[in-house]
Amino acid sequence: MTVRRVVPNIRSEAVRESREFYGLLGFEEVMNHGWIMTLASPAVPAAQISVTTGDRTAPVDADMSIEVDDVDAAYAVMRESGAEIVHPLQDEEWGVRRFFVRDPGGRVVNVLGHR
């Protein structure tokens, strides 16, 4: 499997203010579902930050997102390794297939692929 991008997920109730703050650093809004907004660099589109008020379709908030080219293969590898699956593999209505897994340091990682 190939990693396409890694995005830190920042929890904030000040979404508008966060958009303005990161806009000062050159980021522009590329996605906004209300509860999650993604900002990207126009010059390097894979350089992104997601600002979230809380995940609406998972039991916990992820600390980061890793987009891979084959999320099903990533899920199989994580299950075989014995890693803690925090949220099972599923298709989301907003166009991704994803699961959450806990890393050895306790961080929750959202592993996803776009459908």
N, C-alpha and C. Protein backbone atom coordinates (compact mmCIF):
# COMPACT_ATOMS: atom_id res chain seq x y z
N MET A 1 0.84 -1.17 0.00
CA MET A 1 0.00 0.00 0.00
C MET A 1 0.89 1.23 0.00
N THR A 2 0.35 2.34 -0.48
CA THR A 2 1.08 3.58 -0.60
C THR A 2 0.38 4.68 0.20
N VAL A 3 1.16 5.44 0.95
CA VAL A 3 0.62 6.59 1.67
C VAL A 3 0.52 7.76 0.70
N ARG A 4 -0.64 8.37 0.64
CA ARG A 4 -0.86 9.51 -0.26
C ARG A 4 -0.67 10.84 0.46
N ARG A 5 -1.09 10.90 1.72
CA ARG A 5 -0.91 12.13 2.50
C ARG A 5 -1.16 11.83 3.97
N VAL A 6 -0.63 12.68 4.81
CA VAL A 6 -0.84 12.62 6.25
C VAL A 6 -1.33 13.99 6.68
N VAL A 7 -2.43 14.02 7.43
CA VAL A 7 -3.06 15.28 7.80
C VAL A 7 -3.26 15.32 9.31
N PRO A 8 -2.70 16.33 10.01
CA PRO A 8 -3.02 16.46 11.42
C PRO A 8 -4.47 16.93 11.58
N ASN A 9 -5.15 16.39 12.58
CA ASN A 9 -6.51 16.78 12.90
C ASN A 9 -6.47 17.62 14.16
N ILE A 10 -6.91 18.86 14.06
CA ILE A 10 -6.87 19.80 15.17
C ILE A 10 -8.28 20.01 15.68
N ARG A 11 -8.52 19.72 16.94
CA ARG A 11 -9.84 19.94 17.52
C ARG A 11 -9.96 21.41 17.92
N SER A 12 -11.07 22.04 17.52
CA SER A 12 -11.27 23.45 17.82
C SER A 12 -12.75 23.79 17.73
N GLU A 13 -13.22 24.56 18.68
CA GLU A 13 -14.57 25.10 18.60
C GLU A 13 -14.56 26.45 17.87
N ALA A 14 -13.36 26.94 17.56
CA ALA A 14 -13.20 28.24 16.88
C ALA A 14 -12.81 27.99 15.43
N VAL A 15 -13.71 27.37 14.67
CA VAL A 15 -13.41 26.97 13.29
C VAL A 15 -13.14 28.19 12.40
N ARG A 16 -14.00 29.18 12.46
CA ARG A 16 -13.82 30.37 11.63
C ARG A 16 -12.49 31.05 11.96
N GLU A 17 -12.20 31.19 13.24
CA GLU A 17 -10.95 31.81 13.65
C GLU A 17 -9.74 30.98 13.23
N SER A 18 -9.88 29.66 13.28
CA SER A 18 -8.79 28.77 12.83
C SER A 18 -8.56 28.93 11.33
N ARG A 19 -9.64 29.02 10.56
CA ARG A 19 -9.51 29.22 9.11
C ARG A 19 -8.75 30.52 8.84
N GLU A 20 -9.11 31.57 9.56
CA GLU A 20 -8.43 32.86 9.38
C GLU A 20 -6.96 32.78 9.79
N PHE A 21 -6.68 32.14 10.93
CA PHE A 21 -5.31 32.00 11.42
C PHE A 21 -4.43 31.26 10.42
N TYR A 22 -4.88 30.07 9.99
CA TYR A 22 -4.08 29.28 9.06
C TYR A 22 -4.06 29.90 7.67
N GLY A 23 -5.07 30.72 7.35
CA GLY A 23 -5.06 31.47 6.11
C GLY A 23 -3.90 32.46 6.06
N LEU A 24 -3.54 33.00 7.22
CA LEU A 24 -2.39 33.89 7.28
C LEU A 24 -1.10 33.18 6.91
N LEU A 25 -1.08 31.86 7.06
CA LEU A 25 0.10 31.05 6.71
C LEU A 25 0.00 30.49 5.29
N GLY A 26 -1.05 30.87 4.56
CA GLY A 26 -1.17 30.46 3.17
C GLY A 26 -2.11 29.32 2.90
N PHE A 27 -2.83 28.84 3.91
CA PHE A 27 -3.78 27.75 3.70
C PHE A 27 -5.12 28.29 3.21
N GLU A 28 -5.81 27.48 2.38
CA GLU A 28 -7.14 27.82 1.89
C GLU A 28 -8.09 26.65 2.15
N GLU A 29 -9.35 26.95 2.40
CA GLU A 29 -10.35 25.92 2.65
C GLU A 29 -10.59 25.11 1.38
N VAL A 30 -10.52 23.77 1.51
CA VAL A 30 -10.79 22.89 0.38
C VAL A 30 -11.96 21.95 0.65
N MET A 31 -12.38 21.83 1.91
CA MET A 31 -13.52 20.99 2.27
C MET A 31 -14.11 21.52 3.57
N ASN A 32 -15.44 21.50 3.66
CA ASN A 32 -16.07 21.90 4.90
C ASN A 32 -17.41 21.17 5.02
N HIS A 33 -17.49 20.26 6.00
CA HIS A 33 -18.73 19.52 6.27
C HIS A 33 -19.41 20.02 7.54
N GLY A 34 -18.99 21.17 8.03
CA GLY A 34 -19.57 21.69 9.25
C GLY A 34 -18.80 21.24 10.47
N TRP A 35 -18.65 19.95 10.66
CA TRP A 35 -17.92 19.42 11.81
C TRP A 35 -16.45 19.16 11.51
N ILE A 36 -16.07 19.15 10.23
CA ILE A 36 -14.68 19.03 9.83
C ILE A 36 -14.43 19.92 8.62
N MET A 37 -13.34 20.67 8.71
CA MET A 37 -12.94 21.56 7.63
C MET A 37 -11.48 21.25 7.33
N THR A 38 -11.16 21.11 6.05
CA THR A 38 -9.78 20.87 5.65
C THR A 38 -9.24 22.08 4.92
N LEU A 39 -8.04 22.47 5.30
CA LEU A 39 -7.33 23.59 4.69
C LEU A 39 -6.11 23.02 3.99
N ALA A 40 -5.78 23.57 2.84
CA ALA A 40 -4.63 23.07 2.07
C ALA A 40 -3.83 24.23 1.51
N SER A 41 -2.58 23.94 1.23
CA SER A 41 -1.71 24.90 0.56
C SER A 41 -2.02 24.87 -0.93
N PRO A 42 -2.30 26.01 -1.56
CA PRO A 42 -2.54 26.01 -3.00
C PRO A 42 -1.32 25.55 -3.79
N ALA A 43 -0.13 25.83 -3.29
CA ALA A 43 1.11 25.47 -3.99
C ALA A 43 1.45 23.99 -3.83
N VAL A 44 1.08 23.41 -2.67
CA VAL A 44 1.36 22.00 -2.39
C VAL A 44 0.07 21.41 -1.81
N PRO A 45 -0.86 20.99 -2.66
CA PRO A 45 -2.19 20.58 -2.20
C PRO A 45 -2.21 19.45 -1.16
N ALA A 46 -1.18 18.62 -1.11
CA ALA A 46 -1.15 17.54 -0.12
C ALA A 46 -0.75 18.05 1.26
N ALA A 47 -0.27 19.29 1.37
CA ALA A 47 0.03 19.90 2.67
C ALA A 47 -1.28 20.42 3.24
N GLN A 48 -1.81 19.71 4.23
CA GLN A 48 -3.16 20.00 4.72
C GLN A 48 -3.23 19.96 6.24
N ILE A 49 -4.26 20.60 6.74
CA ILE A 49 -4.64 20.58 8.16
C ILE A 49 -6.16 20.41 8.18
N SER A 50 -6.66 19.54 9.06
CA SER A 50 -8.11 19.44 9.25
C SER A 50 -8.44 19.98 10.64
N VAL A 51 -9.46 20.82 10.68
CA VAL A 51 -9.96 21.39 11.94
C VAL A 51 -11.32 20.77 12.18
N THR A 52 -11.52 20.20 13.36
CA THR A 52 -12.75 19.49 13.66
C THR A 52 -13.35 19.93 14.98
N THR A 53 -14.67 19.95 15.03
CA THR A 53 -15.37 20.21 16.29
C THR A 53 -15.71 18.90 16.99
N GLY A 54 -15.40 17.79 16.35
CA GLY A 54 -15.69 16.46 16.89
C GLY A 54 -16.21 15.57 15.78
N ASP A 55 -15.74 14.35 15.74
CA ASP A 55 -16.12 13.44 14.66
C ASP A 55 -17.58 13.04 14.81
N ARG A 56 -18.36 13.22 13.78
CA ARG A 56 -19.80 12.93 13.85
C ARG A 56 -20.15 11.48 13.54
N THR A 57 -19.20 10.70 13.01
CA THR A 57 -19.55 9.32 12.63
C THR A 57 -18.66 8.28 13.30
N ALA A 58 -17.84 8.69 14.26
CA ALA A 58 -16.97 7.75 14.97
C ALA A 58 -17.06 8.03 16.47
N PRO A 59 -16.73 7.03 17.29
CA PRO A 59 -16.88 7.20 18.74
C PRO A 59 -15.83 8.08 19.39
N VAL A 60 -14.74 8.35 18.70
CA VAL A 60 -13.65 9.18 19.22
C VAL A 60 -13.14 10.09 18.11
N ASP A 61 -12.35 11.08 18.49
CA ASP A 61 -11.72 11.96 17.52
C ASP A 61 -10.33 11.42 17.20
N ALA A 62 -9.97 11.44 15.93
CA ALA A 62 -8.64 11.00 15.52
C ALA A 62 -7.65 12.15 15.66
N ASP A 63 -6.41 11.80 16.01
CA ASP A 63 -5.34 12.78 16.13
C ASP A 63 -4.74 13.13 14.78
N MET A 64 -4.80 12.20 13.85
CA MET A 64 -4.30 12.44 12.50
C MET A 64 -5.01 11.51 11.53
N SER A 65 -4.95 11.89 10.26
CA SER A 65 -5.51 11.06 9.19
C SER A 65 -4.39 10.68 8.24
N ILE A 66 -4.42 9.43 7.81
CA ILE A 66 -3.47 8.94 6.82
C ILE A 66 -4.28 8.38 5.66
N GLU A 67 -4.14 9.02 4.50
CA GLU A 67 -4.80 8.53 3.30
C GLU A 67 -3.89 7.53 2.61
N VAL A 68 -4.43 6.36 2.31
CA VAL A 68 -3.67 5.31 1.62
C VAL A 68 -4.39 4.93 0.33
N ASP A 69 -3.67 4.27 -0.55
CA ASP A 69 -4.29 3.88 -1.82
C ASP A 69 -5.15 2.63 -1.69
N ASP A 70 -4.97 1.84 -0.62
CA ASP A 70 -5.75 0.61 -0.43
C ASP A 70 -6.10 0.47 1.05
N VAL A 71 -7.21 1.08 1.45
CA VAL A 71 -7.60 1.08 2.85
C VAL A 71 -7.96 -0.32 3.34
N ASP A 72 -8.48 -1.18 2.46
CA ASP A 72 -8.80 -2.54 2.87
C ASP A 72 -7.54 -3.32 3.23
N ALA A 73 -6.48 -3.14 2.45
CA ALA A 73 -5.20 -3.79 2.75
C ALA A 73 -4.63 -3.26 4.06
N ALA A 74 -4.73 -1.95 4.28
CA ALA A 74 -4.23 -1.36 5.52
C ALA A 74 -4.99 -1.93 6.72
N TYR A 75 -6.30 -2.08 6.58
CA TYR A 75 -7.13 -2.64 7.65
C TYR A 75 -6.70 -4.08 7.96
N ALA A 76 -6.49 -4.86 6.93
CA ALA A 76 -6.06 -6.26 7.12
C ALA A 76 -4.72 -6.32 7.84
N VAL A 77 -3.78 -5.47 7.44
CA VAL A 77 -2.46 -5.44 8.07
C VAL A 77 -2.57 -5.08 9.55
N MET A 78 -3.37 -4.07 9.86
CA MET A 78 -3.53 -3.64 11.26
C MET A 78 -4.21 -4.72 12.09
N ARG A 79 -5.22 -5.37 11.55
CA ARG A 79 -5.88 -6.45 12.29
C ARG A 79 -4.93 -7.61 12.53
N GLU A 80 -4.16 -8.00 11.49
CA GLU A 80 -3.22 -9.10 11.64
C GLU A 80 -2.12 -8.78 12.65
N SER A 81 -1.77 -7.51 12.78
CA SER A 81 -0.71 -7.12 13.71
C SER A 81 -1.19 -7.13 15.16
N GLY A 82 -2.50 -7.17 15.36
CA GLY A 82 -3.05 -7.13 16.71
C GLY A 82 -3.28 -5.72 17.22
N ALA A 83 -3.11 -4.71 16.37
CA ALA A 83 -3.34 -3.32 16.77
C ALA A 83 -4.80 -3.14 17.19
N GLU A 84 -5.03 -2.21 18.09
CA GLU A 84 -6.39 -1.95 18.56
C GLU A 84 -7.17 -1.16 17.51
N ILE A 85 -8.20 -1.77 16.98
CA ILE A 85 -9.10 -1.09 16.05
C ILE A 85 -10.12 -0.35 16.91
N VAL A 86 -10.12 0.97 16.81
CA VAL A 86 -10.98 1.81 17.63
C VAL A 86 -12.34 2.02 16.97
N HIS A 87 -12.34 2.02 15.63
CA HIS A 87 -13.57 2.22 14.85
C HIS A 87 -13.44 1.34 13.62
N PRO A 88 -14.39 0.45 13.38
CA PRO A 88 -14.24 -0.52 12.28
C PRO A 88 -14.27 0.10 10.89
N LEU A 89 -13.77 -0.64 9.95
CA LEU A 89 -13.75 -0.22 8.54
C LEU A 89 -15.18 -0.03 8.05
N GLN A 90 -15.45 1.13 7.47
CA GLN A 90 -16.78 1.40 6.93
C GLN A 90 -16.72 2.51 5.91
N ASP A 91 -17.75 2.54 5.06
CA ASP A 91 -17.91 3.60 4.08
C ASP A 91 -18.68 4.73 4.73
N GLU A 92 -18.20 5.95 4.53
CA GLU A 92 -18.86 7.14 5.06
C GLU A 92 -19.66 7.81 3.94
N GLU A 93 -20.75 8.43 4.29
CA GLU A 93 -21.61 9.09 3.30
C GLU A 93 -20.91 10.24 2.59
N TRP A 94 -19.84 10.75 3.17
CA TRP A 94 -19.13 11.89 2.58
C TRP A 94 -17.95 11.47 1.70
N GLY A 95 -17.95 10.19 1.27
CA GLY A 95 -17.06 9.78 0.19
C GLY A 95 -15.75 9.12 0.55
N VAL A 96 -15.60 8.69 1.80
CA VAL A 96 -14.38 7.98 2.18
C VAL A 96 -14.72 6.62 2.75
N ARG A 97 -13.76 5.72 2.70
CA ARG A 97 -13.81 4.43 3.38
C ARG A 97 -12.72 4.52 4.42
N ARG A 98 -13.02 4.23 5.70
CA ARG A 98 -12.03 4.47 6.74
C ARG A 98 -12.21 3.57 7.95
N PHE A 99 -11.15 3.55 8.75
CA PHE A 99 -11.18 2.92 10.07
C PHE A 99 -10.24 3.70 10.97
N PHE A 100 -10.40 3.53 12.28
CA PHE A 100 -9.51 4.16 13.26
C PHE A 100 -8.73 3.06 13.96
N VAL A 101 -7.45 3.33 14.19
CA VAL A 101 -6.58 2.40 14.89
C VAL A 101 -5.74 3.20 15.90
N ARG A 102 -5.43 2.58 17.04
CA ARG A 102 -4.64 3.26 18.06
C ARG A 102 -3.16 2.91 17.87
N ASP A 103 -2.30 3.93 17.86
CA ASP A 103 -0.86 3.67 17.72
C ASP A 103 -0.27 3.30 19.08
N PRO A 104 0.99 2.84 19.13
CA PRO A 104 1.58 2.42 20.41
C PRO A 104 1.63 3.52 21.47
N GLY A 105 1.63 4.78 21.05
CA GLY A 105 1.65 5.88 22.01
C GLY A 105 0.27 6.32 22.48
N GLY A 106 -0.77 5.64 21.98
CA GLY A 106 -2.14 5.95 22.40
C GLY A 106 -2.89 6.90 21.49
N ARG A 107 -2.23 7.39 20.44
CA ARG A 107 -2.90 8.29 19.50
C ARG A 107 -3.84 7.51 18.59
N VAL A 108 -4.95 8.16 18.24
CA VAL A 108 -5.92 7.53 17.35
C VAL A 108 -5.64 8.03 15.92
N VAL A 109 -5.48 7.06 15.02
CA VAL A 109 -5.17 7.37 13.62
C VAL A 109 -6.36 6.97 12.75
N ASN A 110 -6.83 7.92 11.95
CA ASN A 110 -7.89 7.70 10.97
C ASN A 110 -7.20 7.27 9.67
N VAL A 111 -7.39 6.03 9.27
CA VAL A 111 -6.80 5.53 8.02
C VAL A 111 -7.92 5.48 6.99
N LEU A 112 -7.71 6.15 5.86
CA LEU A 112 -8.81 6.31 4.91
C LEU A 112 -8.36 6.22 3.46
N GLY A 113 -9.34 6.00 2.63
CA GLY A 113 -9.18 6.06 1.19
C GLY A 113 -10.43 6.69 0.61
N HIS A 114 -10.26 7.45 -0.45
CA HIS A 114 -11.42 8.06 -1.10
C HIS A 114 -12.06 7.07 -2.06
N ARG A 115 -13.38 7.05 -2.09
CA ARG A 115 -14.12 6.16 -2.98
C ARG A 115 -14.39 6.85 -4.30
